[in-house]
Amino acid sequence: MSATVELAVPIDVAAPAAVVWATVTDWPGQREWMLGTTVTVEGGGDGQRIGARVSAFTGVGPLGFTDPMEVVEWDPPRRCVMRHDGKVVRGTGVFEVTELAPARSRFLWIERMELPLGAAGRLAWPLARPVVRAGVVVSLRRMAAVCERRYRNG
């Protein structure tokens, strides 16, 4: 029996929603801000539509895992939902962008994950959760800095 957990991390960004959306949905460009992750578009043109497939490798050198995903909801510039289809990560990831003011946005990253490894995964999650969350927070701070720099530099 698998357990589903949710991790939701928001961040306010001093940039317009369009800049945030363009940054977070530039799949190959995520390597600039997402810790230890390289994303490639596998199918569906540029990855900007329902049915598009992307693959993320998270790790260092050969140590890591591949996370194949499919876009299952696409509502630019507000919301994108990805279905994780991998052996390690299964569930859905959600990117939401909300305009707060002309040059201020809130980005929310939600992961709803099916924990792997059965009972061992359920037991390990309380220990892993703060580490996973910290990695997401660092990544989102980097993403905000990228967005703000792009907005300032036009």
Protein backbone atom coordinates (compact mmCIF):
# COMPACT_ATOMS: atom_id res chain seq x y z
CA MET A 1 0.00 0.00 0.00
CA SER A 2 1.46 3.36 -1.01
CA ALA A 3 0.94 6.63 0.81
CA THR A 4 0.48 9.98 -0.88
CA VAL A 5 2.06 13.07 0.65
CA GLU A 6 1.89 16.72 -0.32
CA LEU A 7 4.59 19.36 -0.20
CA ALA A 8 3.61 22.94 -1.09
CA VAL A 9 6.15 25.78 -1.15
CA PRO A 10 5.28 29.36 -2.16
CA ILE A 11 7.60 32.25 -2.94
CA ASP A 12 6.95 35.88 -3.83
CA VAL A 13 8.89 37.18 -6.81
CA ALA A 14 9.58 40.81 -7.74
CA ALA A 15 8.73 40.24 -11.40
CA PRO A 16 5.55 40.08 -13.51
CA ALA A 17 3.64 36.81 -13.76
CA ALA A 18 4.59 36.45 -17.44
CA VAL A 19 8.30 36.46 -16.56
CA VAL A 20 7.81 33.90 -13.79
CA TRP A 21 5.71 31.67 -16.06
CA ALA A 22 8.26 31.83 -18.88
CA THR A 23 11.06 30.96 -16.46
CA VAL A 24 9.43 28.02 -14.70
CA THR A 25 8.06 26.44 -17.89
CA ASP A 26 11.35 26.72 -19.78
CA TRP A 27 12.08 23.06 -19.08
CA PRO A 28 15.74 22.96 -20.25
CA GLY A 29 16.32 26.34 -18.55
CA GLN A 30 15.38 24.88 -15.17
CA ARG A 31 18.97 23.71 -14.76
CA GLU A 32 19.80 27.36 -14.05
CA TRP A 33 17.79 27.35 -10.82
CA MET A 34 16.67 23.83 -9.89
CA LEU A 35 19.20 22.11 -7.64
CA GLY A 36 21.02 19.22 -9.28
CA THR A 37 18.44 18.81 -12.05
CA THR A 38 18.64 18.76 -15.83
CA VAL A 39 15.38 18.67 -17.80
CA THR A 40 14.94 17.70 -21.43
CA VAL A 41 11.84 17.79 -23.60
CA GLU A 42 11.17 14.26 -24.86
CA GLY A 43 8.06 14.82 -26.95
CA GLY A 44 5.37 17.34 -27.71
CA GLY A 45 7.39 20.05 -29.44
CA ASP A 46 8.67 22.59 -26.93
CA GLY A 47 6.84 21.00 -24.00
CA GLN A 48 4.29 23.80 -23.84
CA ARG A 49 1.02 21.86 -24.17
CA ILE A 50 -1.04 19.01 -22.77
CA GLY A 51 0.54 15.69 -23.67
CA ALA A 52 4.08 17.04 -23.88
CA ARG A 53 6.67 14.80 -22.23
CA VAL A 54 9.76 15.90 -20.34
CA SER A 55 12.40 14.01 -18.44
CA ALA A 56 14.29 15.34 -15.43
CA PHE A 57 17.54 13.84 -14.15
CA THR A 58 18.27 14.77 -10.55
CA GLY A 59 21.62 13.84 -9.10
CA VAL A 60 25.35 14.30 -9.34
CA GLY A 61 27.30 12.59 -12.10
CA PRO A 62 25.91 9.10 -12.63
CA LEU A 63 24.29 9.00 -9.17
CA GLY A 64 20.68 10.05 -9.28
CA PHE A 65 17.36 9.21 -10.85
CA THR A 66 15.33 10.07 -13.91
CA ASP A 67 11.83 11.50 -13.48
CA PRO A 68 9.73 11.15 -16.66
CA MET A 69 6.70 13.48 -16.70
CA GLU A 70 3.76 14.40 -18.89
CA VAL A 71 1.92 17.72 -19.01
CA VAL A 72 -1.68 16.93 -18.01
CA GLU A 73 -2.95 20.48 -17.47
CA TRP A 74 -1.73 23.61 -19.27
CA ASP A 75 -3.28 26.99 -18.45
CA PRO A 76 -0.68 29.71 -19.21
CA PRO A 77 0.34 31.88 -17.52
CA ARG A 78 -1.33 30.50 -14.41
CA ARG A 79 -1.08 26.76 -13.93
CA CYS A 80 0.74 23.69 -15.19
CA VAL A 81 0.24 20.18 -13.83
CA MET A 82 2.73 17.42 -14.57
CA ARG A 83 2.17 13.72 -13.95
CA HIS A 84 5.31 11.97 -12.65
CA ASP A 85 5.55 8.50 -14.22
CA GLY A 86 8.90 7.30 -12.90
CA LYS A 87 10.01 4.46 -10.69
CA VAL A 88 11.21 6.81 -7.94
CA VAL A 89 8.81 9.74 -8.24
CA ARG A 90 5.12 9.11 -8.92
CA GLY A 91 2.27 11.55 -8.49
CA THR A 92 1.68 15.09 -9.69
CA GLY A 93 3.61 18.33 -9.63
CA VAL A 94 1.83 21.67 -9.89
CA PHE A 95 3.26 25.07 -10.83
CA GLU A 96 0.94 28.00 -10.10
CA VAL A 97 1.67 31.66 -10.81
CA THR A 98 -0.49 34.42 -9.33
CA GLU A 99 -0.11 38.09 -10.24
CA LEU A 100 0.01 40.20 -7.07
CA ALA A 101 0.79 43.52 -8.79
CA PRO A 102 2.14 44.51 -12.23
CA ALA A 103 5.70 43.68 -11.17
CA ARG A 104 5.07 41.20 -8.34
CA SER A 105 3.97 37.56 -8.44
CA ARG A 106 3.59 34.57 -6.21
CA PHE A 107 4.81 31.19 -7.39
CA LEU A 108 3.54 28.03 -5.72
CA TRP A 109 5.17 24.65 -6.26
CA ILE A 110 3.08 21.69 -5.09
CA GLU A 111 4.19 18.08 -5.21
CA ARG A 112 1.71 15.29 -4.49
CA MET A 113 3.87 12.21 -4.36
CA GLU A 114 3.24 8.53 -3.89
CA LEU A 115 5.95 7.42 -1.49
CA PRO A 116 8.13 4.59 -2.80
CA LEU A 117 9.28 1.56 -0.79
CA GLY A 118 6.00 0.83 1.01
CA ALA A 119 6.25 0.91 4.80
CA ALA A 120 9.92 1.95 4.66
CA GLY A 121 8.97 4.99 2.55
CA ARG A 122 6.22 5.97 4.99
CA LEU A 123 8.63 5.67 7.92
CA ALA A 124 11.38 7.64 6.14
CA TRP A 125 9.17 10.52 4.91
CA PRO A 126 9.12 12.47 8.21
CA LEU A 127 12.93 12.50 8.08
CA ALA A 128 13.18 13.16 4.33
CA ARG A 129 10.49 15.85 4.18
CA PRO A 130 12.54 18.70 5.74
CA VAL A 131 15.47 17.88 3.44
CA VAL A 132 13.26 17.78 0.33
CA ARG A 133 11.53 21.01 1.39
CA ALA A 134 14.88 22.74 2.00
CA GLY A 135 16.02 21.78 -1.50
CA VAL A 136 12.81 23.18 -2.99
CA VAL A 137 13.19 26.41 -1.00
CA VAL A 138 16.78 26.88 -2.24
CA SER A 139 15.67 26.16 -5.81
CA LEU A 140 12.80 28.64 -5.57
CA ARG A 141 15.05 31.37 -4.18
CA ARG A 142 17.35 30.81 -7.14
CA MET A 143 14.35 30.88 -9.52
CA ALA A 144 13.15 34.16 -8.02
CA ALA A 145 16.61 35.68 -8.51
CA VAL A 146 16.64 34.53 -12.16
CA CYS A 147 13.19 36.05 -12.76
CA GLU A 148 14.07 39.32 -11.06
CA ARG A 149 17.32 39.62 -13.03
CA ARG A 150 15.50 38.92 -16.31
CA TYR A 151 12.85 41.51 -15.48
CA ARG A 152 15.41 44.20 -14.53
CA ASN A 153 17.57 43.54 -17.58
CA GLY A 154 14.58 43.42 -19.96
